[in-house]
C-alpha cells in the first residue's frame, strides 16, 4: 500500500535562494542556495549546529527567514497543505491514537466517513491498527514515531520533511520507521530528511546536502558524496573527525 499523494500541478521543485536566519546577532544560516526536485530522497548531513533542522523548519514555513526566499511552484496556502513534517520527538494530542490521525484530516475538511477510512488505512500501514483506541501518549517511542508518520500518511503529502526521525530509537524501531519512509518514497512523496546516522544516510539517500556552520558546502548524488566528497570538511566528517 502507498499513500494517496495529493494530485494536481506539483509544488516542486523547491527553490531556496540566499536563505539566511539570524538570531541574537548571529547568522545561524547564511546565504544558502539549493533546489530540491521531485523523486530523489534528499538527506541533509552536518555536525550539530550546522543548520540542518533550521533549514527544514524554514522550508516547511515554521519559521520566517531573515533574508532570502523559499519558493514553491504553487501558491503558499496550497504548498502548505501538500507537505508534512515529522520531528525527532513527535507532538501528540491528549487523544487516542486514531483521534490523533483524524484530527489533521478534520482540519483539512475531509468528510467524516472518508476520515475513518484514511485513519484505518494509515494505522494499518504503520502497524498500529490494534492500538487505535489507546491513548497516544502511552505508546513507546517507536510507536509514537510511527503514529506521527501515520498522521502524515493519511494526509498524502507531496513533500515529507523528517527531522532526525530515528535518533532516539532502537534498531527495531529504526527499521520500522525506515520501512515507512521507503513506502512514502515508493508512493511518490519527496523525502527531505536530516540524520546523524551515516549508515542510515547511505541506506536512504539519493542525494546529500552537506551543511557546515550555517552554510551549504555541497549538494551531490549520494554515491559521489560518500565516495569522494568535494570539501575537506565533508571528508573529515565522514571520517568521524570533529569538524
C-alpha atoms as a PDB file:
ATOM      1  CA  UNK A   1       0.000   0.000   0.000  1.00  0.00           C
ATOM      2  CA  UNK A   2       1.215   3.523  -0.811  1.00  0.00           C
ATOM      3  CA  UNK A   3      -0.001   6.908   0.452  1.00  0.00           C
ATOM      4  CA  UNK A   4      -2.646   8.744  -1.541  1.00  0.00           C
ATOM      5  CA  UNK A   5      -0.433  11.617  -2.697  1.00  0.00           C
ATOM      6  CA  UNK A   6      -2.207  14.886  -3.497  1.00  0.00           C
ATOM      7  CA  UNK A   7      -2.750  15.345  -7.234  1.00  0.00           C
ATOM      8  CA  UNK A   8      -2.602  18.453  -9.396  1.00  0.00           C
ATOM      9  CA  UNK A   9       0.236  20.704 -10.502  1.00  0.00           C
ATOM     10  CA  UNK A  10       3.318  19.923  -8.442  1.00  0.00           C
ATOM     11  CA  UNK A  11       4.627  22.235  -5.716  1.00  0.00           C
ATOM     12  CA  UNK A  12       8.128  21.079  -6.714  1.00  0.00           C
ATOM     13  CA  UNK A  13      10.868  21.886  -7.402  1.00  0.00           C
ATOM     14  CA  UNK A  14      11.542  23.813  -4.202  1.00  0.00           C
ATOM     15  CA  UNK A  15      13.903  26.701  -4.914  1.00  0.00           C
ATOM     16  CA  UNK A  16      15.784  28.184  -1.954  1.00  0.00           C
ATOM     17  CA  UNK A  17      17.681  31.401  -2.609  1.00  0.00           C
ATOM     18  CA  UNK A  18      20.083  33.231  -0.264  1.00  0.00           C
ATOM     19  CA  UNK A  19      18.300  31.751   2.749  1.00  0.00           C
ATOM     20  CA  UNK A  20      19.509  33.475   5.907  1.00  0.00           C
ATOM     21  CA  UNK A  21      18.333  33.225   9.501  1.00  0.00           C
ATOM     22  CA  UNK A  22      19.718  35.421  12.242  1.00  0.00           C
ATOM     23  CA  UNK A  23      19.222  35.200  15.992  1.00  0.00           C
ATOM     24  CA  UNK A  24      20.994  37.006  18.809  1.00  0.00           C
ATOM     25  CA  UNK A  25      23.101  38.945  16.348  1.00  0.00           C
ATOM     26  CA  UNK A  26      24.486  35.790  14.703  1.00  0.00           C
ATOM     27  CA  UNK A  27      23.690  34.232  11.337  1.00  0.00           C
ATOM     28  CA  UNK A  28      22.668  30.636  12.037  1.00  0.00           C
ATOM     29  CA  UNK A  29      22.109  30.168   8.295  1.00  0.00           C
ATOM     30  CA  UNK A  30      23.997  32.370   5.888  1.00  0.00           C
ATOM     31  CA  UNK A  31      23.080  32.740   2.219  1.00  0.00           C
ATOM     32  CA  UNK A  32      22.036  29.163   1.475  1.00  0.00           C
ATOM     33  CA  UNK A  33      21.013  28.268  -2.103  1.00  0.00           C
ATOM     34  CA  UNK A  34      19.683  24.929  -3.356  1.00  0.00           C
ATOM     35  CA  UNK A  35      16.962  23.329  -5.456  1.00  0.00           C
ATOM     36  CA  UNK A  36      15.087  20.184  -4.428  1.00  0.00           C
ATOM     37  CA  UNK A  37      13.478  18.273  -7.275  1.00  0.00           C
ATOM     38  CA  UNK A  38      10.800  15.601  -7.156  1.00  0.00           C
ATOM     39  CA  UNK A  39      11.672  11.932  -6.910  1.00  0.00           C
ATOM     40  CA  UNK A  40      15.043  11.749  -5.197  1.00  0.00           C
ATOM     41  CA  UNK A  41      15.402  11.327  -1.435  1.00  0.00           C
ATOM     42  CA  UNK A  42      17.372  14.301  -0.147  1.00  0.00           C
ATOM     43  CA  UNK A  43      19.320  13.773   3.088  1.00  0.00           C
ATOM     44  CA  UNK A  44      20.824  16.747   4.920  1.00  0.00           C
ATOM     45  CA  UNK A  45      24.042  15.984   6.788  1.00  0.00           C
ATOM     46  CA  UNK A  46      26.349  18.000   9.018  1.00  0.00           C
ATOM     47  CA  UNK A  47      27.597  18.314  12.577  1.00  0.00           C
ATOM     48  CA  UNK A  48      25.484  19.659  15.437  1.00  0.00           C
ATOM     49  CA  UNK A  49      24.743  23.322  14.875  1.00  0.00           C
ATOM     50  CA  UNK A  50      25.329  23.138  11.130  1.00  0.00           C
ATOM     51  CA  UNK A  51      21.805  24.384  10.381  1.00  0.00           C
ATOM     52  CA  UNK A  52      20.119  21.144   9.315  1.00  0.00           C
ATOM     53  CA  UNK A  53      16.962  21.273  11.422  1.00  0.00           C
ATOM     54  CA  UNK A  54      16.696  25.028  10.995  1.00  0.00           C
ATOM     55  CA  UNK A  55      16.684  24.573   7.228  1.00  0.00           C
ATOM     56  CA  UNK A  56      13.787  22.120   7.449  1.00  0.00           C
ATOM     57  CA  UNK A  57      11.764  24.483   9.624  1.00  0.00           C
ATOM     58  CA  UNK A  58      12.329  27.379   7.256  1.00  0.00           C
ATOM     59  CA  UNK A  59      11.390  25.306   4.209  1.00  0.00           C
ATOM     60  CA  UNK A  60       8.263  23.998   5.941  1.00  0.00           C
ATOM     61  CA  UNK A  61       7.214  27.506   6.934  1.00  0.00           C
ATOM     62  CA  UNK A  62       7.504  27.093  10.689  1.00  0.00           C
ATOM     63  CA  UNK A  63       9.974  29.983  10.759  1.00  0.00           C
ATOM     64  CA  UNK A  64      10.351  33.061   8.583  1.00  0.00           C
ATOM     65  CA  UNK A  65      13.799  33.749   7.106  1.00  0.00           C
ATOM     66  CA  UNK A  66      15.672  36.912   8.000  1.00  0.00           C
ATOM     67  CA  UNK A  67      16.541  37.219   4.326  1.00  0.00           C
ATOM     68  CA  UNK A  68      16.191  35.152   1.192  1.00  0.00           C
ATOM     69  CA  UNK A  69      13.346  33.139  -0.298  1.00  0.00           C
ATOM     70  CA  UNK A  70      11.736  29.712  -0.048  1.00  0.00           C
ATOM     71  CA  UNK A  71       9.899  29.387  -3.340  1.00  0.00           C
ATOM     72  CA  UNK A  72       7.391  26.619  -4.082  1.00  0.00           C
ATOM     73  CA  UNK A  73       5.833  26.248  -7.524  1.00  0.00           C
ATOM     74  CA  UNK A  74       2.289  26.790  -6.223  1.00  0.00           C
ATOM     75  CA  UNK A  75       0.710  29.484  -4.018  1.00  0.00           C
ATOM     76  CA  UNK A  76       1.801  29.408  -0.375  1.00  0.00           C
ATOM     77  CA  UNK A  77      -1.507  28.133   1.027  1.00  0.00           C
ATOM     78  CA  UNK A  78      -1.618  25.235  -1.430  1.00  0.00           C
ATOM     79  CA  UNK A  79       2.042  24.391  -0.855  1.00  0.00           C
ATOM     80  CA  UNK A  80       1.437  24.307   2.908  1.00  0.00           C
ATOM     81  CA  UNK A  81      -1.421  21.821   2.515  1.00  0.00           C
ATOM     82  CA  UNK A  82       0.691  19.491   0.393  1.00  0.00           C
ATOM     83  CA  UNK A  83       3.594  18.974   2.759  1.00  0.00           C
ATOM     84  CA  UNK A  84       4.073  17.466   6.211  1.00  0.00           C
ATOM     85  CA  UNK A  85       6.823  17.347   8.804  1.00  0.00           C
ATOM     86  CA  UNK A  86       7.756  14.721  11.387  1.00  0.00           C
ATOM     87  CA  UNK A  87      10.008  15.713  14.261  1.00  0.00           C
ATOM     88  CA  UNK A  88      12.530  13.788  16.342  1.00  0.00           C
ATOM     89  CA  UNK A  89      10.086  13.937  19.259  1.00  0.00           C
ATOM     90  CA  UNK A  90       6.561  13.878  17.856  1.00  0.00           C
ATOM     91  CA  UNK A  91       3.971  16.217  19.336  1.00  0.00           C
ATOM     92  CA  UNK A  92       0.907  14.137  20.169  1.00  0.00           C
ATOM     93  CA  UNK A  93      -2.539  15.280  21.274  1.00  0.00           C
ATOM     94  CA  UNK A  94      -4.088  14.026  24.526  1.00  0.00           C
ATOM     95  CA  UNK A  95      -6.370  11.800  22.497  1.00  0.00           C
ATOM     96  CA  UNK A  96      -6.445   8.259  21.219  1.00  0.00           C
ATOM     97  CA  UNK A  97      -4.133   7.002  18.522  1.00  0.00           C
ATOM     98  CA  UNK A  98      -6.951   7.094  15.962  1.00  0.00           C
ATOM     99  CA  UNK A  99      -8.076  10.578  17.029  1.00  0.00           C
ATOM    100  CA  UNK A 100      -4.545  11.910  16.535  1.00  0.00           C
ATOM    101  CA  UNK A 101      -4.652  10.826  12.901  1.00  0.00           C
ATOM    102  CA  UNK A 102      -8.218  12.015  12.383  1.00  0.00           C
ATOM    103  CA  UNK A 103      -7.530  15.491  13.761  1.00  0.00           C
ATOM    104  CA  UNK A 104      -5.339  16.601  10.863  1.00  0.00           C
ATOM    105  CA  UNK A 105      -7.873  15.276   8.374  1.00  0.00           C
ATOM    106  CA  UNK A 106     -10.665  17.212  10.101  1.00  0.00           C
ATOM    107  CA  UNK A 107      -8.622  20.407   9.868  1.00  0.00           C
ATOM    108  CA  UNK A 108      -8.343  19.828   6.114  1.00  0.00           C
ATOM    109  CA  UNK A 109     -12.103  19.416   5.802  1.00  0.00           C
ATOM    110  CA  UNK A 110     -12.066  15.711   4.914  1.00  0.00           C
ATOM    111  CA  UNK A 111     -15.608  14.274   5.317  1.00  0.00           C
ATOM    112  CA  UNK A 112     -16.132  12.112   8.408  1.00  0.00           C
ATOM    113  CA  UNK A 113     -16.721   8.873   6.503  1.00  0.00           C
ATOM    114  CA  UNK A 114     -13.614   9.364   4.403  1.00  0.00           C
ATOM    115  CA  UNK A 115     -11.683  10.222   7.567  1.00  0.00           C
ATOM    116  CA  UNK A 116     -12.498   6.849   9.124  1.00  0.00           C
ATOM    117  CA  UNK A 117     -11.233   5.032   6.044  1.00  0.00           C
ATOM    118  CA  UNK A 118      -7.984   7.030   5.861  1.00  0.00           C
ATOM    119  CA  UNK A 119      -7.316   6.640   9.588  1.00  0.00           C
ATOM    120  CA  UNK A 120      -7.789   2.863   9.389  1.00  0.00           C
ATOM    121  CA  UNK A 121      -5.500   2.604   6.349  1.00  0.00           C
ATOM    122  CA  UNK A 122      -2.790   4.793   7.881  1.00  0.00           C
ATOM    123  CA  UNK A 123      -2.750   2.910  11.174  1.00  0.00           C
ATOM    124  CA  UNK A 124      -2.646  -0.429   9.379  1.00  0.00           C
ATOM    125  CA  UNK A 125       0.336   0.668   7.290  1.00  0.00           C
ATOM    126  CA  UNK A 126       2.120   1.889  10.434  1.00  0.00           C
ATOM    127  CA  UNK A 127       1.405  -1.356  12.301  1.00  0.00           C
ATOM    128  CA  UNK A 128      -0.774   0.425  14.848  1.00  0.00           C
ATOM    129  CA  UNK A 129      -4.227  -0.834  13.911  1.00  0.00           C
ATOM    130  CA  UNK A 130      -4.594  -2.828  17.137  1.00  0.00           C
ATOM    131  CA  UNK A 131      -3.709   0.268  19.191  1.00  0.00           C
ATOM    132  CA  UNK A 132      -6.257   2.645  17.637  1.00  0.00           C
ATOM    133  CA  UNK A 133      -8.140   3.135  20.910  1.00  0.00           C
ATOM    134  CA  UNK A 134      -5.083   3.560  23.122  1.00  0.00           C
ATOM    135  CA  UNK A 135      -4.061   6.978  24.481  1.00  0.00           C
ATOM    136  CA  UNK A 136      -1.413   8.209  22.046  1.00  0.00           C
ATOM    137  CA  UNK A 137       0.926   9.380  24.790  1.00  0.00           C
ATOM    138  CA  UNK A 138       1.041   5.881  26.320  1.00  0.00           C
ATOM    139  CA  UNK A 139       2.815   4.469  23.266  1.00  0.00           C
ATOM    140  CA  UNK A 140       6.503   3.597  23.207  1.00  0.00           C
ATOM    141  CA  UNK A 141       8.933   5.940  21.491  1.00  0.00           C
ATOM    142  CA  UNK A 142       8.997   3.884  18.317  1.00  0.00           C
ATOM    143  CA  UNK A 143       5.209   3.589  18.246  1.00  0.00           C
ATOM    144  CA  UNK A 144       4.844   7.334  18.723  1.00  0.00           C
ATOM    145  CA  UNK A 145       7.130   7.982  15.781  1.00  0.00           C
ATOM    146  CA  UNK A 146       5.153   5.567  13.628  1.00  0.00           C
ATOM    147  CA  UNK A 147       1.970   7.367  14.716  1.00  0.00           C
ATOM    148  CA  UNK A 148       3.480  10.667  13.578  1.00  0.00           C
ATOM    149  CA  UNK A 149       4.225   9.051  10.220  1.00  0.00           C
ATOM    150  CA  UNK A 150       0.697   7.626  10.077  1.00  0.00           C
ATOM    151  CA  UNK A 151      -0.709  11.138  10.533  1.00  0.00           C
ATOM    152  CA  UNK A 152       1.390  12.276   7.603  1.00  0.00           C
ATOM    153  CA  UNK A 153       0.412   9.213   5.559  1.00  0.00           C
ATOM    154  CA  UNK A 154      -3.293   9.971   5.943  1.00  0.00           C
ATOM    155  CA  UNK A 155      -2.736  13.499   4.574  1.00  0.00           C
ATOM    156  CA  UNK A 156      -0.940  12.218   1.467  1.00  0.00           C
ATOM    157  CA  UNK A 157       1.762  14.905   1.353  1.00  0.00           C
ATOM    158  CA  UNK A 158       3.716  15.537  -1.810  1.00  0.00           C
ATOM    159  CA  UNK A 159       6.722  16.535   0.329  1.00  0.00           C
ATOM    160  CA  UNK A 160       7.619  14.932   3.662  1.00  0.00           C
ATOM    161  CA  UNK A 161      10.176  16.638   5.906  1.00  0.00           C
ATOM    162  CA  UNK A 162      11.789  14.350   8.510  1.00  0.00           C
ATOM    163  CA  UNK A 163      13.963  15.775  11.289  1.00  0.00           C
ATOM    164  CA  UNK A 164      16.117  13.025  12.832  1.00  0.00           C
ATOM    165  CA  UNK A 165      13.129  10.646  12.871  1.00  0.00           C
ATOM    166  CA  UNK A 166      15.032   7.691  14.383  1.00  0.00           C
ATOM    167  CA  UNK A 167      17.522   9.473  16.648  1.00  0.00           C
ATOM    168  CA  UNK A 168      16.137   8.010  19.881  1.00  0.00           C
ATOM    169  CA  UNK A 169      15.001   4.605  18.596  1.00  0.00           C
ATOM    170  CA  UNK A 170      16.451   1.130  18.967  1.00  0.00           C
ATOM    171  CA  UNK A 171      17.397  -0.888  15.859  1.00  0.00           C
ATOM    172  CA  UNK A 172      13.967  -2.495  15.527  1.00  0.00           C
ATOM    173  CA  UNK A 173      12.226   0.859  15.821  1.00  0.00           C
ATOM    174  CA  UNK A 174      14.633   2.383  13.331  1.00  0.00           C
ATOM    175  CA  UNK A 175      13.973  -0.390  10.832  1.00  0.00           C
ATOM    176  CA  UNK A 176      10.191   0.050  11.149  1.00  0.00           C
ATOM    177  CA  UNK A 177      10.447   3.807  10.562  1.00  0.00           C
ATOM    178  CA  UNK A 178      12.785   3.348   7.592  1.00  0.00           C
ATOM    179  CA  UNK A 179      10.302   0.918   6.034  1.00  0.00           C
ATOM    180  CA  UNK A 180       7.595   3.568   6.322  1.00  0.00           C
ATOM    181  CA  UNK A 181       9.901   6.173   4.777  1.00  0.00           C
ATOM    182  CA  UNK A 182      10.538   3.775   1.893  1.00  0.00           C
ATOM    183  CA  UNK A 183       6.783   3.366   1.457  1.00  0.00           C
ATOM    184  CA  UNK A 184       6.298   7.136   1.233  1.00  0.00           C
ATOM    185  CA  UNK A 185       9.075   7.305  -1.360  1.00  0.00           C
ATOM    186  CA  UNK A 186       7.609   4.419  -3.370  1.00  0.00           C
ATOM    187  CA  UNK A 187       4.266   6.201  -3.329  1.00  0.00           C
ATOM    188  CA  UNK A 188       5.758   9.311  -4.893  1.00  0.00           C
ATOM    189  CA  UNK A 189       6.376  11.585  -1.914  1.00  0.00           C
ATOM    190  CA  UNK A 190       9.522  13.709  -1.926  1.00  0.00           C
ATOM    191  CA  UNK A 191      11.606  12.869   1.163  1.00  0.00           C
ATOM    192  CA  UNK A 192      13.741  15.602   2.749  1.00  0.00           C
ATOM    193  CA  UNK A 193      15.447  14.289   5.863  1.00  0.00           C
ATOM    194  CA  UNK A 194      18.110  15.141   8.426  1.00  0.00           C
ATOM    195  CA  UNK A 195      20.082  12.434  10.207  1.00  0.00           C
ATOM    196  CA  UNK A 196      23.243  11.963  12.240  1.00  0.00           C
ATOM    197  CA  UNK A 197      23.370   8.289  11.288  1.00  0.00           C
ATOM    198  CA  UNK A 198      25.769   7.903   8.352  1.00  0.00           C
ATOM    199  CA  UNK A 199      24.763   4.281   7.823  1.00  0.00           C
ATOM    200  CA  UNK A 200      21.154   5.381   7.565  1.00  0.00           C
ATOM    201  CA  UNK A 201      22.102   8.137   5.134  1.00  0.00           C
ATOM    202  CA  UNK A 202      23.877   5.583   2.957  1.00  0.00           C
ATOM    203  CA  UNK A 203      20.770   3.371   3.002  1.00  0.00           C
ATOM    204  CA  UNK A 204      18.220   6.060   2.235  1.00  0.00           C
ATOM    205  CA  UNK A 205      19.833   8.991   0.415  1.00  0.00           C
ATOM    206  CA  UNK A 206      19.695   9.582  -3.308  1.00  0.00           C
ATOM    207  CA  UNK A 207      21.365  12.961  -2.857  1.00  0.00           C
ATOM    208  CA  UNK A 208      23.179  14.611   0.053  1.00  0.00           C
ATOM    209  CA  UNK A 209      23.216  18.245   1.122  1.00  0.00           C
ATOM    210  CA  UNK A 210      26.167  18.831   3.452  1.00  0.00           C
ATOM    211  CA  UNK A 211      25.987  21.797   5.813  1.00  0.00           C
ATOM    212  CA  UNK A 212      28.740  23.303   7.939  1.00  0.00           C
ATOM    213  CA  UNK A 213      28.394  26.297  10.266  1.00  0.00           C
ATOM    214  CA  UNK A 214      25.253  27.582   8.612  1.00  0.00           C
ATOM    215  CA  UNK A 215      26.437  27.209   5.024  1.00  0.00           C
ATOM    216  CA  UNK A 216      25.726  24.612   2.363  1.00  0.00           C
ATOM    217  CA  UNK A 217      29.124  23.291   1.279  1.00  0.00           C
ATOM    218  CA  UNK A 218      27.938  20.776  -1.275  1.00  0.00           C
ATOM    219  CA  UNK A 219      24.910  19.134  -2.832  1.00  0.00           C
ATOM    220  CA  UNK A 220      25.657  15.991  -4.804  1.00  0.00           C
ATOM    221  CA  UNK A 221      24.422  12.484  -5.603  1.00  0.00           C
ATOM    222  CA  UNK A 222      24.798  10.251  -2.553  1.00  0.00           C
ATOM    223  CA  UNK A 223      27.104   7.767  -4.280  1.00  0.00           C
ATOM    224  CA  UNK A 224      29.512  10.527  -5.254  1.00  0.00           C
ATOM    225  CA  UNK A 225      29.362  12.236  -1.857  1.00  0.00           C
ATOM    226  CA  UNK A 226      30.177   9.100   0.121  1.00  0.00           C
ATOM    227  CA  UNK A 227      32.911   8.042  -2.312  1.00  0.00           C
ATOM    228  CA  UNK A 228      34.636  11.389  -2.806  1.00  0.00           C
ATOM    229  CA  UNK A 229      33.135  14.477  -1.149  1.00  0.00           C
ATOM    230  CA  UNK A 230      34.367  17.700  -2.678  1.00  0.00           C
ATOM    231  CA  UNK A 231      35.133  19.571   0.559  1.00  0.00           C
ATOM    232  CA  UNK A 232      37.801  18.839   3.157  1.00  0.00           C
ATOM    233  CA  UNK A 233      35.262  19.420   5.932  1.00  0.00           C
ATOM    234  CA  UNK A 234      32.956  16.745   4.487  1.00  0.00           C
ATOM    235  CA  UNK A 235      35.841  14.286   4.184  1.00  0.00           C
ATOM    236  CA  UNK A 236      36.732  14.868   7.830  1.00  0.00           C
ATOM    237  CA  UNK A 237      33.068  14.495   8.811  1.00  0.00           C
ATOM    238  CA  UNK A 238      32.797  11.141   7.050  1.00  0.00           C
ATOM    239  CA  UNK A 239      36.000  10.018   8.750  1.00  0.00           C
ATOM    240  CA  UNK A 240      34.441  10.678  12.139  1.00  0.00           C
ATOM    241  CA  UNK A 241      36.584  13.684  12.987  1.00  0.00           C
ATOM    242  CA  UNK A 242      35.271  16.680  14.922  1.00  0.00           C
ATOM    243  CA  UNK A 243      34.512  19.459  12.440  1.00  0.00           C
END
